[in-house]
Amino acid sequence: MMVGAINTSTKKVENINSTTNALHVISPESIGQLNGTVIITAPDVDYLVTTTSMIVGAYTVAAQPLGSHVVTVTHTKVGTLDTLGTIVVVGTSSDGETITETITPTDSATVTGSLGFEAITSITGVGWVIDGSNNDTLTVGIGAVVAPTGKYIFAVQIDAEAVVASETFVSGSAGPKLASITALPAGATKYGRWSSITPTSGEMTAYFASLWGGE
């Protein structure tokens, strides 16, 4: 029987053979169907792509996320409004699975995606058409830390004193209100059922578990 177990060095799930061919389950998380991912200090609108002219083609990726973050696209109009097209983001989730998301920019606004990217392979402009002589510009950044599809954040370990701006709980559940705590001290661990957490400072490691019972 193959079971998942967390590698404490890489903080990733790895398959191992069960020596007894049976699972002795203490809790859903104890069988290892979870990943640990470092949460970066705060959302950053130009973390992935700094201010640049819009193009059809590949944008230069400036940095990689430190956690499973949603992607944001912020547009700025230069002269008359261009045909903005779409931004295609390709990367991997915290499970190491390849994921793709298409984000449609909006005039002079920030648009937020829904998938959690822990690594970015490419960011590509599609369908952009200039209007006039000046390219509109954009930045691509990171937003809240989110659980991969079918999972939730069941624990956060505080690695450096942190402040949380907002949080979203899994439907029908609740947990400690991290955003109501003035500062989360280093070394603390909080348990709950979150679908997303938005920090403003500090550093945390989030642990993901599969949603059970079709939740």
N, C-alpha and C. Protein backbone atom coordinates (compact mmCIF):
# COMPACT_ATOMS: atom_id res chain seq x y z
N MET A 1 0.85 -1.18 0.00
CA MET A 1 0.00 0.00 0.00
C MET A 1 0.89 1.24 0.00
N MET A 2 0.52 2.22 -0.80
CA MET A 2 1.25 3.47 -0.84
C MET A 2 0.52 4.51 -0.01
N VAL A 3 1.24 5.19 0.84
CA VAL A 3 0.66 6.26 1.64
C VAL A 3 1.51 7.50 1.48
N GLY A 4 0.89 8.64 1.75
CA GLY A 4 1.63 9.89 1.68
C GLY A 4 2.21 10.24 3.03
N ALA A 5 3.42 10.75 3.04
CA ALA A 5 4.04 11.18 4.29
C ALA A 5 4.81 12.47 4.03
N ILE A 6 4.88 13.33 5.03
CA ILE A 6 5.58 14.59 4.84
C ILE A 6 7.07 14.41 5.10
N ASN A 7 7.87 14.94 4.21
CA ASN A 7 9.32 14.95 4.37
C ASN A 7 9.66 16.20 5.16
N THR A 8 10.21 16.04 6.35
CA THR A 8 10.45 17.19 7.22
C THR A 8 11.55 18.10 6.71
N SER A 9 12.38 17.61 5.81
CA SER A 9 13.44 18.44 5.25
C SER A 9 12.91 19.33 4.14
N THR A 10 12.12 18.73 3.23
CA THR A 10 11.60 19.49 2.09
C THR A 10 10.23 20.07 2.36
N LYS A 11 9.56 19.58 3.43
CA LYS A 11 8.19 19.99 3.75
C LYS A 11 7.24 19.67 2.61
N LYS A 12 7.50 18.58 1.91
CA LYS A 12 6.65 18.14 0.81
C LYS A 12 6.17 16.72 1.07
N VAL A 13 5.06 16.37 0.43
CA VAL A 13 4.53 15.02 0.56
C VAL A 13 5.29 14.07 -0.35
N GLU A 14 5.63 12.91 0.19
CA GLU A 14 6.28 11.87 -0.60
C GLU A 14 5.54 10.55 -0.36
N ASN A 15 5.47 9.70 -1.40
CA ASN A 15 4.83 8.40 -1.25
C ASN A 15 5.80 7.41 -0.61
N ILE A 16 5.29 6.62 0.32
CA ILE A 16 6.11 5.59 0.94
C ILE A 16 5.31 4.29 1.03
N ASN A 17 5.98 3.18 1.15
CA ASN A 17 5.30 1.90 1.33
C ASN A 17 4.96 1.68 2.80
N SER A 18 3.71 1.28 3.04
CA SER A 18 3.30 0.95 4.40
C SER A 18 3.81 -0.45 4.74
N THR A 19 4.55 -0.57 5.81
CA THR A 19 5.14 -1.86 6.17
C THR A 19 4.09 -2.85 6.67
N THR A 20 2.97 -2.33 7.15
CA THR A 20 1.93 -3.22 7.67
C THR A 20 0.76 -3.35 6.72
N ASN A 21 0.84 -2.64 5.59
CA ASN A 21 -0.27 -2.62 4.63
C ASN A 21 -1.57 -2.17 5.28
N ALA A 22 -1.47 -1.35 6.26
CA ALA A 22 -2.66 -0.82 6.92
C ALA A 22 -2.36 0.57 7.44
N LEU A 23 -3.38 1.38 7.53
CA LEU A 23 -3.21 2.73 8.05
C LEU A 23 -3.71 2.79 9.48
N HIS A 24 -2.90 3.32 10.36
CA HIS A 24 -3.31 3.52 11.74
C HIS A 24 -3.52 5.03 11.89
N VAL A 25 -4.74 5.47 11.67
CA VAL A 25 -5.03 6.89 11.55
C VAL A 25 -5.33 7.50 12.91
N ILE A 26 -4.53 8.47 13.29
CA ILE A 26 -4.78 9.25 14.49
C ILE A 26 -5.69 10.42 14.15
N SER A 27 -5.41 11.06 13.01
CA SER A 27 -6.22 12.15 12.50
C SER A 27 -6.04 12.18 11.00
N PRO A 28 -6.92 12.84 10.25
CA PRO A 28 -6.75 12.91 8.80
C PRO A 28 -5.38 13.42 8.39
N GLU A 29 -4.85 14.40 9.16
CA GLU A 29 -3.56 14.97 8.80
C GLU A 29 -2.41 14.03 9.09
N SER A 30 -2.58 13.11 10.05
CA SER A 30 -1.45 12.31 10.50
C SER A 30 -0.96 11.34 9.45
N ILE A 31 -1.78 11.02 8.42
CA ILE A 31 -1.31 10.10 7.39
C ILE A 31 -0.49 10.84 6.33
N GLY A 32 -0.33 12.15 6.55
CA GLY A 32 0.63 12.87 5.73
C GLY A 32 0.09 13.52 4.48
N GLN A 33 -1.22 13.59 4.30
CA GLN A 33 -1.74 14.21 3.08
C GLN A 33 -1.77 15.72 3.29
N LEU A 34 -0.58 16.29 3.40
CA LEU A 34 -0.44 17.72 3.63
C LEU A 34 0.92 18.18 3.14
N ASN A 35 1.00 19.47 2.87
CA ASN A 35 2.27 20.08 2.49
C ASN A 35 2.51 21.29 3.38
N GLY A 36 3.76 21.63 3.57
CA GLY A 36 4.10 22.87 4.25
C GLY A 36 4.64 23.86 3.23
N THR A 37 4.21 25.11 3.32
CA THR A 37 4.65 26.10 2.36
C THR A 37 4.89 27.42 3.08
N VAL A 38 5.97 28.08 2.79
CA VAL A 38 6.30 29.34 3.47
C VAL A 38 5.44 30.46 2.92
N ILE A 39 4.83 31.21 3.81
CA ILE A 39 4.03 32.37 3.42
C ILE A 39 4.94 33.59 3.39
N ILE A 40 4.95 34.28 2.28
CA ILE A 40 5.75 35.50 2.20
C ILE A 40 5.12 36.58 3.08
N THR A 41 5.85 37.64 3.37
CA THR A 41 5.39 38.61 4.36
C THR A 41 4.08 39.30 4.01
N ALA A 42 3.87 39.66 2.75
CA ALA A 42 2.66 40.43 2.42
C ALA A 42 2.42 40.39 0.91
N PRO A 43 1.17 40.64 0.49
CA PRO A 43 0.92 40.78 -0.94
C PRO A 43 1.80 41.87 -1.54
N ASP A 44 2.16 41.68 -2.80
CA ASP A 44 3.08 42.61 -3.46
C ASP A 44 2.67 42.68 -4.94
N VAL A 45 2.20 43.85 -5.40
CA VAL A 45 1.60 43.96 -6.74
C VAL A 45 2.61 43.84 -7.87
N ASP A 46 3.92 44.00 -7.59
CA ASP A 46 4.90 43.86 -8.68
C ASP A 46 5.98 42.84 -8.33
N TYR A 47 5.62 41.85 -7.54
CA TYR A 47 6.58 40.83 -7.10
C TYR A 47 7.05 39.95 -8.25
N LEU A 48 6.14 39.59 -9.15
CA LEU A 48 6.47 38.67 -10.24
C LEU A 48 6.94 39.40 -11.50
N VAL A 49 6.26 40.47 -11.85
CA VAL A 49 6.64 41.28 -13.01
C VAL A 49 6.59 42.74 -12.60
N THR A 50 7.73 43.41 -12.66
CA THR A 50 7.77 44.83 -12.32
C THR A 50 7.17 45.64 -13.48
N THR A 51 6.88 46.92 -13.23
CA THR A 51 6.20 47.76 -14.22
C THR A 51 6.85 47.66 -15.59
N THR A 52 6.05 47.29 -16.56
CA THR A 52 6.57 47.09 -17.91
C THR A 52 5.49 47.34 -18.94
N SER A 53 5.87 47.66 -20.17
CA SER A 53 4.91 47.85 -21.25
C SER A 53 4.21 46.55 -21.58
N MET A 54 2.92 46.63 -21.86
CA MET A 54 2.18 45.44 -22.24
C MET A 54 2.66 44.94 -23.60
N ILE A 55 2.67 43.62 -23.76
CA ILE A 55 3.14 43.00 -24.99
C ILE A 55 2.30 41.77 -25.30
N VAL A 56 2.48 41.25 -26.51
CA VAL A 56 2.04 39.90 -26.84
C VAL A 56 3.30 39.04 -26.77
N GLY A 57 3.34 38.14 -25.81
CA GLY A 57 4.53 37.32 -25.63
C GLY A 57 4.86 37.15 -24.16
N ALA A 58 6.06 36.65 -23.89
CA ALA A 58 6.45 36.28 -22.53
C ALA A 58 6.98 37.50 -21.77
N TYR A 59 6.51 37.66 -20.54
CA TYR A 59 7.04 38.66 -19.63
C TYR A 59 8.17 38.04 -18.80
N THR A 60 9.11 38.87 -18.37
CA THR A 60 10.20 38.40 -17.53
C THR A 60 9.71 38.22 -16.10
N VAL A 61 9.90 37.02 -15.55
CA VAL A 61 9.50 36.73 -14.18
C VAL A 61 10.64 37.13 -13.25
N ALA A 62 10.38 38.10 -12.37
CA ALA A 62 11.44 38.68 -11.54
C ALA A 62 11.76 37.85 -10.31
N ALA A 63 10.79 37.10 -9.80
CA ALA A 63 11.01 36.34 -8.55
C ALA A 63 10.00 35.22 -8.48
N GLN A 64 10.25 34.29 -7.57
CA GLN A 64 9.33 33.18 -7.35
C GLN A 64 8.60 33.37 -6.02
N PRO A 65 7.34 32.93 -5.94
CA PRO A 65 6.60 33.04 -4.68
C PRO A 65 7.26 32.20 -3.59
N LEU A 66 7.07 32.61 -2.35
CA LEU A 66 7.48 31.81 -1.20
C LEU A 66 6.21 31.34 -0.50
N GLY A 67 5.44 30.54 -1.21
CA GLY A 67 4.16 30.10 -0.69
C GLY A 67 3.16 29.94 -1.81
N SER A 68 2.01 29.39 -1.51
CA SER A 68 0.98 29.12 -2.51
C SER A 68 0.08 30.35 -2.66
N HIS A 69 0.52 31.31 -3.47
CA HIS A 69 -0.15 32.60 -3.58
C HIS A 69 -1.03 32.70 -4.82
N VAL A 70 -2.13 33.45 -4.71
CA VAL A 70 -2.86 33.84 -5.90
C VAL A 70 -2.06 34.91 -6.63
N VAL A 71 -2.31 35.03 -7.93
CA VAL A 71 -1.59 35.98 -8.77
C VAL A 71 -2.48 37.20 -9.03
N THR A 72 -1.89 38.39 -9.01
CA THR A 72 -2.62 39.62 -9.31
C THR A 72 -2.03 40.28 -10.55
N VAL A 73 -2.89 40.94 -11.32
CA VAL A 73 -2.47 41.71 -12.49
C VAL A 73 -3.01 43.13 -12.34
N THR A 74 -2.11 44.11 -12.35
CA THR A 74 -2.50 45.51 -12.19
C THR A 74 -2.19 46.27 -13.48
N HIS A 75 -3.21 46.92 -14.05
CA HIS A 75 -3.09 47.64 -15.32
C HIS A 75 -3.03 49.14 -15.10
N THR A 76 -2.22 49.82 -15.91
CA THR A 76 -2.17 51.28 -15.92
C THR A 76 -2.31 51.77 -17.35
N LYS A 77 -3.28 52.66 -17.58
CA LYS A 77 -3.51 53.20 -18.93
C LYS A 77 -2.49 54.28 -19.25
N VAL A 78 -1.95 54.24 -20.46
CA VAL A 78 -1.01 55.26 -20.94
C VAL A 78 -1.60 55.83 -22.22
N GLY A 79 -2.07 57.08 -22.16
CA GLY A 79 -2.76 57.65 -23.32
C GLY A 79 -4.15 57.06 -23.42
N THR A 80 -4.50 56.57 -24.59
CA THR A 80 -5.81 55.94 -24.78
C THR A 80 -5.73 54.45 -24.42
N LEU A 81 -6.86 53.89 -24.04
CA LEU A 81 -6.89 52.51 -23.55
C LEU A 81 -6.62 51.51 -24.67
N ASP A 82 -5.64 50.64 -24.43
CA ASP A 82 -5.34 49.56 -25.38
C ASP A 82 -6.39 48.45 -25.27
N THR A 83 -6.38 47.54 -26.24
CA THR A 83 -7.11 46.29 -26.11
C THR A 83 -6.26 45.40 -25.21
N LEU A 84 -6.76 45.05 -24.03
CA LEU A 84 -5.90 44.49 -22.99
C LEU A 84 -5.64 42.99 -23.14
N GLY A 85 -6.51 42.27 -23.81
CA GLY A 85 -6.28 40.84 -23.99
C GLY A 85 -6.31 40.10 -22.66
N THR A 86 -5.47 39.10 -22.52
CA THR A 86 -5.41 38.29 -21.30
C THR A 86 -3.96 38.01 -20.90
N ILE A 87 -3.79 37.60 -19.66
CA ILE A 87 -2.49 37.19 -19.14
C ILE A 87 -2.59 35.72 -18.73
N VAL A 88 -1.75 34.88 -19.32
CA VAL A 88 -1.77 33.44 -19.04
C VAL A 88 -0.61 33.11 -18.10
N VAL A 89 -0.94 32.57 -16.94
CA VAL A 89 0.07 32.20 -15.94
C VAL A 89 0.18 30.69 -15.88
N VAL A 90 1.39 30.16 -16.03
CA VAL A 90 1.64 28.72 -15.95
C VAL A 90 2.64 28.48 -14.83
N GLY A 91 2.38 27.49 -14.03
CA GLY A 91 3.30 27.17 -12.93
C GLY A 91 2.91 25.89 -12.26
N THR A 92 3.28 25.77 -10.98
CA THR A 92 2.95 24.58 -10.22
C THR A 92 2.31 24.96 -8.89
N SER A 93 1.45 24.07 -8.40
CA SER A 93 0.83 24.25 -7.09
C SER A 93 1.78 23.73 -6.02
N SER A 94 1.38 23.83 -4.76
CA SER A 94 2.23 23.33 -3.69
C SER A 94 2.31 21.81 -3.71
N ASP A 95 1.45 21.15 -4.49
CA ASP A 95 1.53 19.70 -4.66
C ASP A 95 2.48 19.32 -5.78
N GLY A 96 3.04 20.31 -6.48
CA GLY A 96 3.92 20.03 -7.60
C GLY A 96 3.17 19.75 -8.89
N GLU A 97 1.86 20.00 -8.91
CA GLU A 97 1.07 19.77 -10.11
C GLU A 97 1.11 21.01 -11.00
N THR A 98 1.17 20.80 -12.32
CA THR A 98 1.16 21.91 -13.27
C THR A 98 -0.23 22.51 -13.33
N ILE A 99 -0.30 23.83 -13.17
CA ILE A 99 -1.57 24.54 -13.23
C ILE A 99 -1.44 25.73 -14.17
N THR A 100 -2.56 26.12 -14.77
CA THR A 100 -2.61 27.26 -15.70
C THR A 100 -3.82 28.10 -15.37
N GLU A 101 -3.64 29.42 -15.37
CA GLU A 101 -4.77 30.32 -15.12
C GLU A 101 -4.70 31.49 -16.09
N THR A 102 -5.84 31.87 -16.64
CA THR A 102 -5.94 33.02 -17.53
C THR A 102 -6.61 34.15 -16.77
N ILE A 103 -5.92 35.28 -16.67
CA ILE A 103 -6.43 36.45 -15.95
C ILE A 103 -6.66 37.57 -16.96
N THR A 104 -7.84 38.19 -16.90
CA THR A 104 -8.19 39.27 -17.83
C THR A 104 -7.99 40.61 -17.15
N PRO A 105 -7.02 41.43 -17.59
CA PRO A 105 -6.80 42.74 -16.98
C PRO A 105 -8.01 43.64 -17.15
N THR A 106 -8.18 44.58 -16.20
CA THR A 106 -9.25 45.57 -16.24
C THR A 106 -8.65 46.95 -16.20
N ASP A 107 -9.24 47.88 -16.92
CA ASP A 107 -8.73 49.24 -17.03
C ASP A 107 -8.43 49.86 -15.66
N SER A 108 -7.17 50.19 -15.45
CA SER A 108 -6.70 50.93 -14.27
C SER A 108 -7.10 50.27 -12.96
N ALA A 109 -7.02 48.94 -12.90
CA ALA A 109 -7.44 48.21 -11.71
C ALA A 109 -6.55 47.00 -11.50
N THR A 110 -6.69 46.40 -10.32
CA THR A 110 -6.00 45.16 -10.00
C THR A 110 -6.99 44.01 -10.04
N VAL A 111 -6.66 42.97 -10.81
CA VAL A 111 -7.50 41.77 -10.91
C VAL A 111 -6.76 40.62 -10.23
N THR A 112 -7.47 39.86 -9.42
CA THR A 112 -6.87 38.78 -8.65
C THR A 112 -7.35 37.42 -9.15
N GLY A 113 -6.40 36.51 -9.38
CA GLY A 113 -6.74 35.16 -9.78
C GLY A 113 -7.21 34.34 -8.59
N SER A 114 -7.47 33.05 -8.83
CA SER A 114 -8.00 32.21 -7.77
C SER A 114 -7.12 31.02 -7.43
N LEU A 115 -6.18 30.66 -8.31
CA LEU A 115 -5.35 29.49 -8.08
C LEU A 115 -4.11 29.84 -7.26
N GLY A 116 -3.65 28.89 -6.46
CA GLY A 116 -2.45 29.09 -5.65
C GLY A 116 -1.21 28.59 -6.37
N PHE A 117 -0.32 29.51 -6.74
CA PHE A 117 0.94 29.16 -7.41
C PHE A 117 2.09 29.20 -6.41
N GLU A 118 2.84 28.12 -6.33
CA GLU A 118 4.05 28.11 -5.51
C GLU A 118 5.30 28.27 -6.37
N ALA A 119 5.16 28.07 -7.66
CA ALA A 119 6.25 28.31 -8.60
C ALA A 119 5.64 28.80 -9.91
N ILE A 120 6.33 29.74 -10.54
CA ILE A 120 5.86 30.31 -11.81
C ILE A 120 6.79 29.85 -12.93
N THR A 121 6.21 29.23 -13.94
CA THR A 121 6.98 28.80 -15.11
C THR A 121 7.01 29.89 -16.16
N SER A 122 5.85 30.51 -16.43
CA SER A 122 5.79 31.56 -17.45
C SER A 122 4.58 32.46 -17.22
N ILE A 123 4.71 33.71 -17.66
CA ILE A 123 3.61 34.68 -17.66
C ILE A 123 3.59 35.28 -19.07
N THR A 124 2.48 35.11 -19.77
CA THR A 124 2.44 35.45 -21.20
C THR A 124 1.25 36.34 -21.51
N GLY A 125 1.50 37.41 -22.28
CA GLY A 125 0.43 38.27 -22.76
C GLY A 125 -0.15 37.74 -24.05
N VAL A 126 -1.48 37.71 -24.12
CA VAL A 126 -2.19 37.19 -25.30
C VAL A 126 -3.26 38.20 -25.71
N GLY A 127 -3.33 38.52 -27.01
CA GLY A 127 -4.43 39.33 -27.53
C GLY A 127 -4.33 40.82 -27.25
N TRP A 128 -3.19 41.30 -26.73
CA TRP A 128 -3.05 42.73 -26.49
C TRP A 128 -2.86 43.45 -27.82
N VAL A 129 -3.54 44.62 -27.97
CA VAL A 129 -3.39 45.44 -29.19
C VAL A 129 -3.26 46.89 -28.75
N ILE A 130 -2.20 47.56 -29.22
CA ILE A 130 -1.96 48.95 -28.84
C ILE A 130 -3.02 49.85 -29.47
N ASP A 131 -3.38 50.93 -28.75
CA ASP A 131 -4.28 51.95 -29.28
C ASP A 131 -3.52 53.27 -29.22
N GLY A 132 -3.10 53.74 -30.36
CA GLY A 132 -2.28 54.95 -30.38
C GLY A 132 -0.81 54.58 -30.45
N SER A 133 0.03 55.39 -29.82
CA SER A 133 1.48 55.19 -29.94
C SER A 133 2.14 54.73 -28.65
N ASN A 134 1.40 54.67 -27.56
CA ASN A 134 2.00 54.31 -26.27
C ASN A 134 1.39 53.03 -25.71
N ASN A 135 2.28 52.08 -25.35
CA ASN A 135 1.80 50.85 -24.71
C ASN A 135 1.26 51.17 -23.32
N ASP A 136 0.11 50.59 -22.97
CA ASP A 136 -0.29 50.59 -21.58
C ASP A 136 0.73 49.75 -20.81
N THR A 137 0.73 49.86 -19.48
CA THR A 137 1.69 49.10 -18.67
C THR A 137 0.95 48.19 -17.70
N LEU A 138 1.70 47.24 -17.14
CA LEU A 138 1.14 46.38 -16.11
C LEU A 138 2.22 45.93 -15.14
N THR A 139 1.76 45.41 -14.02
CA THR A 139 2.61 44.67 -13.10
C THR A 139 1.88 43.37 -12.77
N VAL A 140 2.65 42.36 -12.39
CA VAL A 140 2.06 41.09 -11.96
C VAL A 140 2.62 40.79 -10.58
N GLY A 141 1.73 40.51 -9.64
CA GLY A 141 2.16 40.30 -8.27
C GLY A 141 1.53 39.10 -7.62
N ILE A 142 1.63 39.06 -6.29
CA ILE A 142 1.06 37.98 -5.52
C ILE A 142 0.10 38.55 -4.48
N GLY A 143 -0.94 37.77 -4.18
CA GLY A 143 -1.93 38.18 -3.19
C GLY A 143 -1.95 37.22 -2.02
N ALA A 144 -3.14 36.87 -1.60
CA ALA A 144 -3.32 36.01 -0.43
C ALA A 144 -2.70 34.63 -0.64
N VAL A 145 -2.36 33.98 0.47
CA VAL A 145 -1.97 32.58 0.45
C VAL A 145 -3.25 31.76 0.43
N VAL A 146 -3.37 30.83 -0.52
CA VAL A 146 -4.57 30.02 -0.63
C VAL A 146 -4.20 28.55 -0.65
N ALA A 147 -5.14 27.73 -0.23
CA ALA A 147 -4.94 26.29 -0.29
C ALA A 147 -5.13 25.81 -1.72
N PRO A 148 -4.37 24.79 -2.15
CA PRO A 148 -4.58 24.23 -3.47
C PRO A 148 -6.00 23.67 -3.59
N THR A 149 -6.47 23.50 -4.82
CA THR A 149 -7.81 22.96 -5.06
C THR A 149 -8.02 21.66 -4.30
N GLY A 150 -9.11 21.59 -3.55
CA GLY A 150 -9.43 20.38 -2.80
C GLY A 150 -8.76 20.27 -1.45
N LYS A 151 -8.07 21.34 -1.03
CA LYS A 151 -7.39 21.31 0.27
C LYS A 151 -7.74 22.55 1.07
N TYR A 152 -7.31 22.56 2.31
CA TYR A 152 -7.48 23.74 3.15
C TYR A 152 -6.25 23.87 4.04
N ILE A 153 -6.05 25.07 4.58
CA ILE A 153 -4.95 25.31 5.52
C ILE A 153 -5.45 24.88 6.89
N PHE A 154 -4.81 23.86 7.49
CA PHE A 154 -5.27 23.42 8.80
C PHE A 154 -4.37 23.91 9.94
N ALA A 155 -3.18 24.42 9.61
CA ALA A 155 -2.29 24.92 10.65
C ALA A 155 -1.35 25.97 10.06
N VAL A 156 -1.01 26.95 10.88
CA VAL A 156 0.03 27.91 10.51
C VAL A 156 1.03 27.98 11.64
N GLN A 157 2.29 27.84 11.27
CA GLN A 157 3.40 27.94 12.22
C GLN A 157 4.06 29.29 12.03
N ILE A 158 4.19 30.06 13.09
CA ILE A 158 4.74 31.41 12.99
C ILE A 158 6.26 31.33 13.08
N ASP A 159 6.93 31.63 11.97
CA ASP A 159 8.39 31.56 11.92
C ASP A 159 9.04 32.87 12.35
N ALA A 160 8.37 34.00 12.07
CA ALA A 160 8.82 35.31 12.53
C ALA A 160 7.57 36.11 12.85
N GLU A 161 7.60 36.88 13.94
CA GLU A 161 6.40 37.59 14.40
C GLU A 161 5.61 38.14 13.22
N ALA A 162 4.30 37.88 13.20
CA ALA A 162 3.50 38.17 12.02
C ALA A 162 2.21 38.89 12.38
N VAL A 163 1.70 39.61 11.39
CA VAL A 163 0.40 40.26 11.47
C VAL A 163 -0.43 39.80 10.28
N VAL A 164 -1.69 39.45 10.52
CA VAL A 164 -2.58 38.99 9.46
C VAL A 164 -3.64 40.05 9.19
N ALA A 165 -3.78 40.43 7.91
CA ALA A 165 -4.75 41.46 7.54
C ALA A 165 -6.16 40.89 7.44
N SER A 166 -6.29 39.68 6.85
CA SER A 166 -7.61 39.08 6.68
C SER A 166 -7.46 37.58 6.49
N GLU A 167 -8.57 36.86 6.65
CA GLU A 167 -8.56 35.41 6.50
C GLU A 167 -9.93 34.97 6.03
N THR A 168 -9.97 33.82 5.36
CA THR A 168 -11.24 33.24 4.92
C THR A 168 -11.29 31.80 5.39
N PHE A 169 -12.37 31.47 6.07
CA PHE A 169 -12.51 30.11 6.61
C PHE A 169 -13.20 29.21 5.59
N VAL A 170 -12.90 27.91 5.67
CA VAL A 170 -13.62 26.93 4.88
C VAL A 170 -15.10 27.02 5.24
N SER A 171 -15.97 26.93 4.23
CA SER A 171 -17.41 27.06 4.44
C SER A 171 -17.90 26.13 5.55
N GLY A 172 -18.61 26.71 6.50
CA GLY A 172 -19.18 25.93 7.58
C GLY A 172 -18.26 25.70 8.76
N SER A 173 -17.07 26.26 8.72
CA SER A 173 -16.13 26.05 9.82
C SER A 173 -15.61 27.39 10.32
N ALA A 174 -14.93 27.34 11.43
CA ALA A 174 -14.35 28.55 12.02
C ALA A 174 -13.05 28.17 12.70
N GLY A 175 -12.35 29.14 13.18
CA GLY A 175 -11.08 28.88 13.85
C GLY A 175 -10.64 30.13 14.56
N PRO A 176 -9.43 30.14 15.09
CA PRO A 176 -8.95 31.35 15.76
C PRO A 176 -8.90 32.51 14.78
N LYS A 177 -9.34 33.68 15.21
CA LYS A 177 -9.37 34.86 14.34
C LYS A 177 -7.99 35.50 14.33
N LEU A 178 -7.16 35.07 13.37
CA LEU A 178 -5.78 35.55 13.32
C LEU A 178 -5.72 37.05 13.12
N ALA A 179 -6.66 37.59 12.34
CA ALA A 179 -6.65 39.02 12.04
C ALA A 179 -6.97 39.87 13.26
N SER A 180 -7.54 39.26 14.29
CA SER A 180 -7.88 40.02 15.50
C SER A 180 -6.73 40.05 16.50
N ILE A 181 -5.66 39.31 16.22
CA ILE A 181 -4.50 39.27 17.11
C ILE A 181 -3.50 40.34 16.68
N THR A 182 -3.11 41.18 17.61
CA THR A 182 -2.22 42.31 17.27
C THR A 182 -0.94 41.82 16.63
N ALA A 183 -0.32 40.79 17.20
CA ALA A 183 0.89 40.21 16.61
C ALA A 183 0.96 38.75 17.01
N LEU A 184 1.22 37.90 16.03
CA LEU A 184 1.37 36.47 16.28
C LEU A 184 2.83 36.20 16.61
N PRO A 185 3.14 35.71 17.81
CA PRO A 185 4.54 35.58 18.22
C PRO A 185 5.25 34.44 17.51
N ALA A 186 6.54 34.62 17.26
CA ALA A 186 7.35 33.56 16.65
C ALA A 186 7.29 32.32 17.52
N GLY A 187 7.17 31.16 16.88
CA GLY A 187 7.12 29.90 17.60
C GLY A 187 5.73 29.39 17.86
N ALA A 188 4.73 30.26 17.71
CA ALA A 188 3.34 29.84 17.94
C ALA A 188 2.82 29.03 16.76
N THR A 189 1.87 28.15 17.02
CA THR A 189 1.18 27.40 15.98
C THR A 189 -0.31 27.53 16.20
N LYS A 190 -1.05 27.88 15.14
CA LYS A 190 -2.49 28.05 15.22
C LYS A 190 -3.16 27.02 14.30
N TYR A 191 -4.25 26.42 14.80
CA TYR A 191 -4.96 25.41 14.05
C TYR A 191 -6.36 25.90 13.69
N GLY A 192 -6.82 25.56 12.50
CA GLY A 192 -8.15 25.96 12.05
C GLY A 192 -8.44 25.33 10.70
N ARG A 193 -9.37 25.92 9.97
CA ARG A 193 -9.72 25.44 8.62
C ARG A 193 -9.89 26.66 7.73
N TRP A 194 -8.78 27.14 7.18
CA TRP A 194 -8.80 28.34 6.34
C TRP A 194 -8.66 27.98 4.87
N SER A 195 -9.35 28.74 4.02
CA SER A 195 -9.13 28.60 2.58
C SER A 195 -8.14 29.65 2.09
N SER A 196 -7.98 30.75 2.84
CA SER A 196 -6.98 31.76 2.47
C SER A 196 -6.59 32.58 3.69
N ILE A 197 -5.36 33.10 3.66
CA ILE A 197 -4.84 33.98 4.70
C ILE A 197 -4.03 35.07 4.02
N THR A 198 -4.27 36.32 4.40
CA THR A 198 -3.52 37.45 3.84
C THR A 198 -2.70 38.11 4.94
N PRO A 199 -1.38 37.88 4.96
CA PRO A 199 -0.54 38.51 5.98
C PRO A 199 -0.11 39.92 5.55
N THR A 200 0.28 40.72 6.51
CA THR A 200 0.87 42.03 6.20
C THR A 200 2.33 42.10 6.59
N SER A 201 2.76 41.22 7.49
CA SER A 201 4.16 41.22 7.89
C SER A 201 4.49 39.89 8.55
N GLY A 202 5.78 39.66 8.76
CA GLY A 202 6.22 38.44 9.41
C GLY A 202 6.42 37.31 8.43
N GLU A 203 6.52 36.11 8.95
CA GLU A 203 6.68 34.94 8.10
C GLU A 203 6.04 33.74 8.77
N MET A 204 5.30 32.96 7.99
CA MET A 204 4.61 31.79 8.51
C MET A 204 4.80 30.62 7.56
N THR A 205 4.58 29.42 8.08
CA THR A 205 4.51 28.23 7.24
C THR A 205 3.10 27.68 7.37
N ALA A 206 2.43 27.51 6.23
CA ALA A 206 1.07 26.97 6.23
C ALA A 206 1.12 25.50 5.87
N TYR A 207 0.26 24.71 6.52
CA TYR A 207 0.16 23.28 6.23
C TYR A 207 -1.22 22.97 5.68
N PHE A 208 -1.23 22.23 4.57
CA PHE A 208 -2.46 21.93 3.87
C PHE A 208 -2.90 20.49 4.10
N ALA A 209 -4.20 20.28 4.17
CA ALA A 209 -4.77 18.94 4.26
C ALA A 209 -5.90 18.82 3.26
N SER A 210 -6.19 17.60 2.83
CA SER A 210 -7.27 17.36 1.89
C SER A 210 -8.62 17.59 2.57
N LEU A 211 -9.57 18.12 1.81
CA LEU A 211 -10.93 18.23 2.30
C LEU A 211 -11.52 16.83 2.35
N TRP A 212 -12.11 16.48 3.48
CA TRP A 212 -12.63 15.13 3.68
C TRP A 212 -14.14 15.14 3.62
N GLY A 213 -14.69 14.01 3.24
CA GLY A 213 -16.15 13.85 3.25
C GLY A 213 -16.84 14.73 2.25
N GLY A 214 -16.14 15.11 1.18
CA GLY A 214 -16.76 15.88 0.11
C GLY A 214 -17.00 17.34 0.45
N GLU A 215 -16.39 17.83 1.50
CA GLU A 215 -16.57 19.23 1.88
C GLU A 215 -15.89 20.17 0.88
